[in-house]
Amino acid sequence: MAIVKDNLVLSIAGFDPCGGAGILADIQTMHQLKVQGMAVVTALTYQNEDDLWGIEWKGFEPIKSQIDALLADYNFDVVKIGIINGLDLLDKLLQYLEKRIPKAKIVWDPVLKSSSGFDFVKKVESDEFQNILKRVHLITPNRWEFEKISAALGSESWPTNVLKKGGHSDTDDTSDVLIMKDGKQIKIEGHRIEGKDKHGTGCVLSSAVAAGLNKGQSLEEACKAAKTYTEKYLQSGTKKLGRHFEIDA
């Protein structure tokens, strides 16, 4: 029987050896925000903060086995999902999570392509996205991902909450927009931090949102707190690899 523990969040994402993105970035973010993170690996990547050389994907059974091992002793109110090998696998995973932990809030960071141009998800179709989005609590696309998914959905609405990230804006205004399922839009202020590009900021933001939800914050509160944390991450260190231990959270 699973043991329900406070401040416990599950990250289902890829392994980045340098720790700037993926599960290592998620866990560092969660721990800094006083939440204990656990992880399930969806892929082994061969990369550092500058380049991605390749990726070794995990299929449903290895992912499921990792989840089952954790659920034997723990329960999760919040799950963050990162890269995964295609929408078919993601849909299958979400159905399984819905069966095993039906009350969990799921935050999906839809990493469709790496910053170096590596395609994680090649096929984008409306029906698949509708099935996926209705099973998640929040999706956190950047501007390109938002446009790609919007084009796939066509005239259909997004059946979930959306945090549209503003970091790829062409202006100094990098504000995010939280679009609620009921249509309400909330601007979350942000400003360009010159010379402070960092590897894995999308992972940091989405895992920070998950941490906030786990601590009982509303979706709006969690997204605002995550934006603040991510901007602090952008100001840490002097290179593309951020330093969570420099952040006073």
C-alpha atoms as a PDB file:
ATOM      1  CA  MET A   1       0.000   0.000   0.000  1.00  0.00           C
ATOM      2  CA  ALA A   2       1.377   3.385  -1.004  1.00  0.00           C
ATOM      3  CA  ILE A   3       2.592   5.752   1.675  1.00  0.00           C
ATOM      4  CA  VAL A   4       1.310   9.311   1.175  1.00  0.00           C
ATOM      5  CA  LYS A   5       4.057  11.768   2.047  1.00  0.00           C
ATOM      6  CA  ASP A   6       3.951  15.550   1.985  1.00  0.00           C
ATOM      7  CA  ASN A   7       6.150  17.569  -0.364  1.00  0.00           C
ATOM      8  CA  LEU A   8       6.820  14.707  -2.757  1.00  0.00           C
ATOM      9  CA  VAL A   9       6.769  15.318  -6.537  1.00  0.00           C
ATOM     10  CA  LEU A  10       7.518  12.930  -9.412  1.00  0.00           C
ATOM     11  CA  SER A  11       9.476  14.022 -12.479  1.00  0.00           C
ATOM     12  CA  ILE A  12       9.160  11.833 -15.591  1.00  0.00           C
ATOM     13  CA  ALA A  13      11.754  13.182 -17.994  1.00  0.00           C
ATOM     14  CA  GLY A  14      15.086  12.696 -19.711  1.00  0.00           C
ATOM     15  CA  PHE A  15      18.528  12.395 -18.147  1.00  0.00           C
ATOM     16  CA  ASP A  16      20.928  15.213 -19.045  1.00  0.00           C
ATOM     17  CA  PRO A  17      24.471  14.324 -17.864  1.00  0.00           C
ATOM     18  CA  CYS A  18      25.421  17.948 -17.148  1.00  0.00           C
ATOM     19  CA  GLY A  19      22.357  18.480 -14.967  1.00  0.00           C
ATOM     20  CA  GLY A  20      21.219  21.650 -16.678  1.00  0.00           C
ATOM     21  CA  ALA A  21      18.002  20.121 -17.991  1.00  0.00           C
ATOM     22  CA  GLY A  22      15.856  17.035 -17.510  1.00  0.00           C
ATOM     23  CA  ILE A  23      15.404  15.142 -14.270  1.00  0.00           C
ATOM     24  CA  LEU A  24      18.569  16.467 -12.614  1.00  0.00           C
ATOM     25  CA  ALA A  25      17.442  20.066 -13.179  1.00  0.00           C
ATOM     26  CA  ASP A  26      13.948  19.155 -11.977  1.00  0.00           C
ATOM     27  CA  ILE A  27      15.211  17.559  -8.772  1.00  0.00           C
ATOM     28  CA  GLN A  28      17.584  20.442  -8.014  1.00  0.00           C
ATOM     29  CA  THR A  29      14.751  22.930  -8.506  1.00  0.00           C
ATOM     30  CA  MET A  30      12.334  20.966  -6.335  1.00  0.00           C
ATOM     31  CA  HIS A  31      14.841  20.525  -3.524  1.00  0.00           C
ATOM     32  CA  GLN A  32      15.703  24.225  -3.561  1.00  0.00           C
ATOM     33  CA  LEU A  33      11.969  24.935  -3.210  1.00  0.00           C
ATOM     34  CA  LYS A  34      11.716  22.580  -0.197  1.00  0.00           C
ATOM     35  CA  VAL A  35      10.044  19.750  -2.089  1.00  0.00           C
ATOM     36  CA  GLN A  36      11.427  16.223  -2.339  1.00  0.00           C
ATOM     37  CA  GLY A  37      11.685  15.088  -5.938  1.00  0.00           C
ATOM     38  CA  MET A  38      11.737  11.558  -7.322  1.00  0.00           C
ATOM     39  CA  ALA A  39      12.444  10.679 -10.934  1.00  0.00           C
ATOM     40  CA  VAL A  40      11.593   8.281 -13.743  1.00  0.00           C
ATOM     41  CA  VAL A  41      13.885   8.300 -16.793  1.00  0.00           C
ATOM     42  CA  THR A  42      12.319   8.526 -20.272  1.00  0.00           C
ATOM     43  CA  ALA A  43      15.598   8.902 -22.167  1.00  0.00           C
ATOM     44  CA  LEU A  44      19.356   8.964 -21.800  1.00  0.00           C
ATOM     45  CA  THR A  45      20.789  11.953 -23.641  1.00  0.00           C
ATOM     46  CA  TYR A  46      24.361  12.534 -24.728  1.00  0.00           C
ATOM     47  CA  GLN A  47      24.814  16.256 -24.211  1.00  0.00           C
ATOM     48  CA  ASN A  48      26.251  19.140 -22.283  1.00  0.00           C
ATOM     49  CA  GLU A  49      24.911  22.672 -21.946  1.00  0.00           C
ATOM     50  CA  ASP A  50      26.015  23.541 -25.495  1.00  0.00           C
ATOM     51  CA  ASP A  51      25.332  20.523 -27.719  1.00  0.00           C
ATOM     52  CA  LEU A  52      23.172  17.400 -27.995  1.00  0.00           C
ATOM     53  CA  TRP A  53      24.903  14.469 -29.719  1.00  0.00           C
ATOM     54  CA  GLY A  54      22.230  11.817 -29.389  1.00  0.00           C
ATOM     55  CA  ILE A  55      19.477  10.198 -27.381  1.00  0.00           C
ATOM     56  CA  GLU A  56      18.529   6.695 -26.235  1.00  0.00           C
ATOM     57  CA  TRP A  57      14.797   6.467 -25.669  1.00  0.00           C
ATOM     58  CA  LYS A  58      12.999   4.343 -23.077  1.00  0.00           C
ATOM     59  CA  GLY A  59       9.789   2.584 -24.087  1.00  0.00           C
ATOM     60  CA  PHE A  60       6.576   2.227 -22.112  1.00  0.00           C
ATOM     61  CA  GLU A  61       7.513  -0.921 -20.176  1.00  0.00           C
ATOM     62  CA  PRO A  62      10.785   0.453 -18.695  1.00  0.00           C
ATOM     63  CA  ILE A  63       9.000   3.702 -17.816  1.00  0.00           C
ATOM     64  CA  LYS A  64       6.064   1.827 -16.302  1.00  0.00           C
ATOM     65  CA  SER A  65       8.398  -0.407 -14.257  1.00  0.00           C
ATOM     66  CA  GLN A  66      10.110   2.637 -12.756  1.00  0.00           C
ATOM     67  CA  ILE A  67       6.745   4.172 -11.869  1.00  0.00           C
ATOM     68  CA  ASP A  68       5.458   0.922 -10.358  1.00  0.00           C
ATOM     69  CA  ALA A  69       8.548   0.613  -8.146  1.00  0.00           C
ATOM     70  CA  LEU A  70       7.945   4.087  -6.709  1.00  0.00           C
ATOM     71  CA  LEU A  71       4.180   3.668  -6.331  1.00  0.00           C
ATOM     72  CA  ALA A  72       4.797   0.546  -4.257  1.00  0.00           C
ATOM     73  CA  ASP A  73       5.899   2.839  -1.406  1.00  0.00           C
ATOM     74  CA  TYR A  74       4.921   6.383  -2.348  1.00  0.00           C
ATOM     75  CA  ASN A  75       2.046   8.401  -3.728  1.00  0.00           C
ATOM     76  CA  PHE A  76       2.226  11.619  -5.728  1.00  0.00           C
ATOM     77  CA  ASP A  77      -0.178  14.536  -5.854  1.00  0.00           C
ATOM     78  CA  VAL A  78       1.802  16.260  -8.618  1.00  0.00           C
ATOM     79  CA  VAL A  79       3.703  14.852 -11.604  1.00  0.00           C
ATOM     80  CA  LYS A  80       5.895  16.786 -14.033  1.00  0.00           C
ATOM     81  CA  ILE A  81       6.521  15.286 -17.496  1.00  0.00           C
ATOM     82  CA  GLY A  82       9.314  16.330 -19.862  1.00  0.00           C
ATOM     83  CA  ILE A  83      10.689  14.749 -23.028  1.00  0.00           C
ATOM     84  CA  ILE A  84       9.204  11.473 -24.190  1.00  0.00           C
ATOM     85  CA  ASN A  85       9.452   9.488 -27.426  1.00  0.00           C
ATOM     86  CA  GLY A  86       6.355  10.668 -29.256  1.00  0.00           C
ATOM     87  CA  LEU A  87       2.761  11.546 -28.529  1.00  0.00           C
ATOM     88  CA  ASP A  88       1.517   7.955 -28.769  1.00  0.00           C
ATOM     89  CA  LEU A  89       3.762   6.967 -25.871  1.00  0.00           C
ATOM     90  CA  LEU A  90       2.814  10.079 -23.911  1.00  0.00           C
ATOM     91  CA  ASP A  91      -0.897   9.315 -24.350  1.00  0.00           C
ATOM     92  CA  LYS A  92      -0.328   5.745 -23.151  1.00  0.00           C
ATOM     93  CA  LEU A  93       1.650   7.020 -20.156  1.00  0.00           C
ATOM     94  CA  LEU A  94      -1.053   9.524 -19.223  1.00  0.00           C
ATOM     95  CA  GLN A  95      -3.719   6.833 -19.365  1.00  0.00           C
ATOM     96  CA  TYR A  96      -1.623   4.704 -17.032  1.00  0.00           C
ATOM     97  CA  LEU A  97      -1.057   7.565 -14.590  1.00  0.00           C
ATOM     98  CA  GLU A  98      -4.796   8.316 -14.678  1.00  0.00           C
ATOM     99  CA  LYS A  99      -5.407   4.729 -13.649  1.00  0.00           C
ATOM    100  CA  ARG A 100      -2.760   4.531 -10.919  1.00  0.00           C
ATOM    101  CA  ILE A 101      -2.884   8.049  -9.422  1.00  0.00           C
ATOM    102  CA  PRO A 102      -6.124   9.553 -10.766  1.00  0.00           C
ATOM    103  CA  LYS A 103      -6.067  12.634  -8.528  1.00  0.00           C
ATOM    104  CA  ALA A 104      -2.537  13.723  -9.432  1.00  0.00           C
ATOM    105  CA  LYS A 105      -2.096  17.094 -11.133  1.00  0.00           C
ATOM    106  CA  ILE A 106       0.115  16.682 -14.179  1.00  0.00           C
ATOM    107  CA  VAL A 107       2.334  19.460 -15.523  1.00  0.00           C
ATOM    108  CA  TRP A 108       3.607  18.776 -19.047  1.00  0.00           C
ATOM    109  CA  ASP A 109       6.528  20.701 -20.507  1.00  0.00           C
ATOM    110  CA  PRO A 110       6.021  19.944 -24.229  1.00  0.00           C
ATOM    111  CA  VAL A 111       9.645  19.829 -25.379  1.00  0.00           C
ATOM    112  CA  LEU A 112       9.055  19.276 -29.095  1.00  0.00           C
ATOM    113  CA  LYS A 113      12.569  20.292 -30.156  1.00  0.00           C
ATOM    114  CA  SER A 114      15.891  20.946 -28.406  1.00  0.00           C
ATOM    115  CA  SER A 115      17.610  24.330 -28.617  1.00  0.00           C
ATOM    116  CA  SER A 116      20.192  22.661 -30.896  1.00  0.00           C
ATOM    117  CA  GLY A 117      17.446  21.626 -33.331  1.00  0.00           C
ATOM    118  CA  PHE A 118      16.968  17.969 -32.318  1.00  0.00           C
ATOM    119  CA  ASP A 119      13.335  16.902 -32.878  1.00  0.00           C
ATOM    120  CA  PHE A 120      11.874  15.064 -29.883  1.00  0.00           C
ATOM    121  CA  VAL A 121       8.336  14.933 -31.316  1.00  0.00           C
ATOM    122  CA  LYS A 122       8.066  14.810 -35.111  1.00  0.00           C
ATOM    123  CA  LYS A 123       4.349  14.093 -35.617  1.00  0.00           C
ATOM    124  CA  VAL A 124       1.858  16.691 -34.395  1.00  0.00           C
ATOM    125  CA  GLU A 125      -1.840  15.906 -34.917  1.00  0.00           C
ATOM    126  CA  SER A 126      -5.018  17.431 -33.488  1.00  0.00           C
ATOM    127  CA  ASP A 127      -6.708  14.274 -32.173  1.00  0.00           C
ATOM    128  CA  GLU A 128      -3.606  13.195 -30.288  1.00  0.00           C
ATOM    129  CA  PHE A 129      -3.173  16.587 -28.693  1.00  0.00           C
ATOM    130  CA  GLN A 130      -6.818  16.749 -27.652  1.00  0.00           C
ATOM    131  CA  ASN A 131      -6.519  13.369 -25.919  1.00  0.00           C
ATOM    132  CA  ILE A 132      -3.320  14.407 -24.195  1.00  0.00           C
ATOM    133  CA  LEU A 133      -4.290  17.909 -23.141  1.00  0.00           C
ATOM    134  CA  LYS A 134      -7.539  16.850 -21.491  1.00  0.00           C
ATOM    135  CA  ARG A 135      -5.505  14.598 -19.169  1.00  0.00           C
ATOM    136  CA  VAL A 136      -3.068  17.241 -17.911  1.00  0.00           C
ATOM    137  CA  HIS A 137      -3.546  20.108 -15.480  1.00  0.00           C
ATOM    138  CA  LEU A 138      -1.092  22.476 -17.146  1.00  0.00           C
ATOM    139  CA  ILE A 139       1.043  22.650 -20.276  1.00  0.00           C
ATOM    140  CA  THR A 140       4.050  25.017 -20.444  1.00  0.00           C
ATOM    141  CA  PRO A 141       4.932  25.702 -24.106  1.00  0.00           C
ATOM    142  CA  ASN A 142       7.363  28.325 -25.336  1.00  0.00           C
ATOM    143  CA  ARG A 143       6.259  30.614 -28.156  1.00  0.00           C
ATOM    144  CA  TRP A 144       7.265  28.190 -30.951  1.00  0.00           C
ATOM    145  CA  GLU A 145       5.649  25.212 -29.210  1.00  0.00           C
ATOM    146  CA  PHE A 146       2.484  27.226 -28.562  1.00  0.00           C
ATOM    147  CA  GLU A 147       2.193  28.130 -32.245  1.00  0.00           C
ATOM    148  CA  LYS A 148       2.930  24.550 -33.351  1.00  0.00           C
ATOM    149  CA  ILE A 149       0.263  23.062 -31.083  1.00  0.00           C
ATOM    150  CA  SER A 150      -2.238  25.817 -31.901  1.00  0.00           C
ATOM    151  CA  ALA A 151      -1.802  25.064 -35.599  1.00  0.00           C
ATOM    152  CA  ALA A 152      -2.372  21.352 -34.943  1.00  0.00           C
ATOM    153  CA  LEU A 153      -5.532  22.046 -32.920  1.00  0.00           C
ATOM    154  CA  GLY A 154      -6.883  24.368 -35.596  1.00  0.00           C
ATOM    155  CA  SER A 155     -10.049  26.090 -34.448  1.00  0.00           C
ATOM    156  CA  GLU A 156     -10.422  23.797 -31.446  1.00  0.00           C
ATOM    157  CA  SER A 157      -9.753  25.232 -28.003  1.00  0.00           C
ATOM    158  CA  TRP A 158      -7.085  24.040 -25.596  1.00  0.00           C
ATOM    159  CA  PRO A 159      -8.828  21.686 -23.125  1.00  0.00           C
ATOM    160  CA  THR A 160      -6.374  22.496 -20.334  1.00  0.00           C
ATOM    161  CA  ASN A 161      -4.612  25.371 -18.602  1.00  0.00           C
ATOM    162  CA  VAL A 162      -1.700  26.847 -20.585  1.00  0.00           C
ATOM    163  CA  LEU A 163       1.331  28.776 -19.375  1.00  0.00           C
ATOM    164  CA  LYS A 164       2.639  30.427 -22.530  1.00  0.00           C
ATOM    165  CA  LYS A 165       6.273  31.248 -21.834  1.00  0.00           C
ATOM    166  CA  GLY A 166       7.654  34.588 -22.990  1.00  0.00           C
ATOM    167  CA  GLY A 167      11.371  33.908 -22.814  1.00  0.00           C
ATOM    168  CA  HIS A 168      11.735  33.627 -26.610  1.00  0.00           C
ATOM    169  CA  SER A 169      10.186  37.028 -27.185  1.00  0.00           C
ATOM    170  CA  ASP A 170      11.962  39.375 -29.607  1.00  0.00           C
ATOM    171  CA  THR A 171      11.582  42.238 -27.134  1.00  0.00           C
ATOM    172  CA  ASP A 172      12.728  42.993 -23.586  1.00  0.00           C
ATOM    173  CA  ASP A 173       9.286  41.944 -22.331  1.00  0.00           C
ATOM    174  CA  THR A 174       9.565  38.242 -21.451  1.00  0.00           C
ATOM    175  CA  SER A 175       6.293  38.053 -19.544  1.00  0.00           C
ATOM    176  CA  ASP A 176       4.470  34.732 -19.455  1.00  0.00           C
ATOM    177  CA  VAL A 177       0.716  34.430 -19.982  1.00  0.00           C
ATOM    178  CA  LEU A 178      -1.358  31.985 -17.961  1.00  0.00           C
ATOM    179  CA  ILE A 179      -4.410  31.030 -20.033  1.00  0.00           C
ATOM    180  CA  MET A 180      -7.007  29.308 -17.875  1.00  0.00           C
ATOM    181  CA  LYS A 181      -9.410  26.713 -19.245  1.00  0.00           C
ATOM    182  CA  ASP A 182     -12.267  29.175 -18.743  1.00  0.00           C
ATOM    183  CA  GLY A 183     -10.538  31.672 -21.050  1.00  0.00           C
ATOM    184  CA  LYS A 184      -9.215  34.015 -18.357  1.00  0.00           C
ATOM    185  CA  GLN A 185      -5.723  35.304 -19.122  1.00  0.00           C
ATOM    186  CA  ILE A 186      -3.205  36.394 -16.479  1.00  0.00           C
ATOM    187  CA  LYS A 187       0.009  38.188 -17.389  1.00  0.00           C
ATOM    188  CA  ILE A 188       3.035  37.181 -15.315  1.00  0.00           C
ATOM    189  CA  GLU A 189       5.588  39.969 -15.566  1.00  0.00           C
ATOM    190  CA  GLY A 190       9.075  39.237 -16.817  1.00  0.00           C
ATOM    191  CA  HIS A 191      11.943  41.227 -18.325  1.00  0.00           C
ATOM    192  CA  ARG A 192      14.964  40.342 -20.426  1.00  0.00           C
ATOM    193  CA  ILE A 193      18.096  39.579 -18.413  1.00  0.00           C
ATOM    194  CA  GLU A 194      20.892  40.485 -20.816  1.00  0.00           C
ATOM    195  CA  GLY A 195      23.700  38.000 -21.327  1.00  0.00           C
ATOM    196  CA  LYS A 196      22.101  35.450 -19.041  1.00  0.00           C
ATOM    197  CA  ASP A 197      20.841  32.708 -21.371  1.00  0.00           C
ATOM    198  CA  LYS A 198      20.749  29.421 -19.506  1.00  0.00           C
ATOM    199  CA  HIS A 199      20.405  25.762 -20.473  1.00  0.00           C
ATOM    200  CA  GLY A 200      17.218  24.064 -19.239  1.00  0.00           C
ATOM    201  CA  THR A 201      15.115  27.045 -18.164  1.00  0.00           C
ATOM    202  CA  GLY A 202      11.936  25.330 -19.399  1.00  0.00           C
ATOM    203  CA  CYS A 203      12.648  22.351 -17.157  1.00  0.00           C
ATOM    204  CA  VAL A 204      13.339  24.663 -14.223  1.00  0.00           C
ATOM    205  CA  LEU A 205      10.109  26.621 -14.734  1.00  0.00           C
ATOM    206  CA  SER A 206       7.822  23.596 -15.108  1.00  0.00           C
ATOM    207  CA  SER A 207       9.313  21.764 -12.134  1.00  0.00           C
ATOM    208  CA  ALA A 208       9.052  24.936 -10.042  1.00  0.00           C
ATOM    209  CA  VAL A 209       5.347  25.128 -10.934  1.00  0.00           C
ATOM    210  CA  ALA A 210       4.959  21.485  -9.903  1.00  0.00           C
ATOM    211  CA  ALA A 211       6.672  22.227  -6.590  1.00  0.00           C
ATOM    212  CA  GLY A 212       4.345  25.148  -5.942  1.00  0.00           C
ATOM    213  CA  LEU A 213       1.241  23.086  -6.678  1.00  0.00           C
ATOM    214  CA  ASN A 214       2.509  20.400  -4.326  1.00  0.00           C
ATOM    215  CA  LYS A 215       2.821  22.981  -1.552  1.00  0.00           C
ATOM    216  CA  GLY A 216      -0.816  23.967  -1.962  1.00  0.00           C
ATOM    217  CA  GLN A 217      -0.412  27.105  -4.071  1.00  0.00           C
ATOM    218  CA  SER A 218      -3.094  27.972  -6.601  1.00  0.00           C
ATOM    219  CA  LEU A 219      -2.124  27.598 -10.252  1.00  0.00           C
ATOM    220  CA  GLU A 220      -1.672  31.357 -10.571  1.00  0.00           C
ATOM    221  CA  GLU A 221       0.467  31.521  -7.422  1.00  0.00           C
ATOM    222  CA  ALA A 222       2.575  28.551  -8.517  1.00  0.00           C
ATOM    223  CA  CYS A 223       3.211  30.040 -11.958  1.00  0.00           C
ATOM    224  CA  LYS A 224       4.186  33.431 -10.532  1.00  0.00           C
ATOM    225  CA  ALA A 225       6.532  31.865  -7.981  1.00  0.00           C
ATOM    226  CA  ALA A 226       8.055  29.678 -10.703  1.00  0.00           C
ATOM    227  CA  LYS A 227       8.682  32.740 -12.891  1.00  0.00           C
ATOM    228  CA  THR A 228      10.498  34.425 -10.006  1.00  0.00           C
ATOM    229  CA  TYR A 229      12.618  31.341  -9.366  1.00  0.00           C
ATOM    230  CA  THR A 230      13.484  30.955 -13.053  1.00  0.00           C
ATOM    231  CA  GLU A 231      14.595  34.579 -13.313  1.00  0.00           C
ATOM    232  CA  LYS A 232      16.852  34.027 -10.310  1.00  0.00           C
ATOM    233  CA  TYR A 233      18.216  30.936 -12.054  1.00  0.00           C
ATOM    234  CA  LEU A 234      18.964  33.068 -15.129  1.00  0.00           C
ATOM    235  CA  GLN A 235      21.025  35.390 -12.941  1.00  0.00           C
ATOM    236  CA  SER A 236      23.049  32.587 -11.347  1.00  0.00           C
ATOM    237  CA  GLY A 237      26.593  31.896 -12.490  1.00  0.00           C
ATOM    238  CA  THR A 238      28.199  33.359 -15.591  1.00  0.00           C
ATOM    239  CA  LYS A 239      27.805  30.512 -18.091  1.00  0.00           C
ATOM    240  CA  LYS A 240      24.932  28.599 -19.716  1.00  0.00           C
ATOM    241  CA  LEU A 241      24.861  26.143 -16.831  1.00  0.00           C
ATOM    242  CA  GLY A 242      22.954  27.714 -13.949  1.00  0.00           C
ATOM    243  CA  ARG A 243      23.666  27.243 -10.232  1.00  0.00           C
ATOM    244  CA  HIS A 244      20.671  26.396  -8.077  1.00  0.00           C
ATOM    245  CA  PHE A 245      22.716  26.679  -4.896  1.00  0.00           C
ATOM    246  CA  GLU A 246      23.225  30.381  -5.569  1.00  0.00           C
ATOM    247  CA  ILE A 247      19.476  30.999  -5.434  1.00  0.00           C
ATOM    248  CA  ASP A 248      17.893  32.211  -2.216  1.00  0.00           C
ATOM    249  CA  ALA A 249      14.500  30.531  -2.543  1.00  0.00           C
END
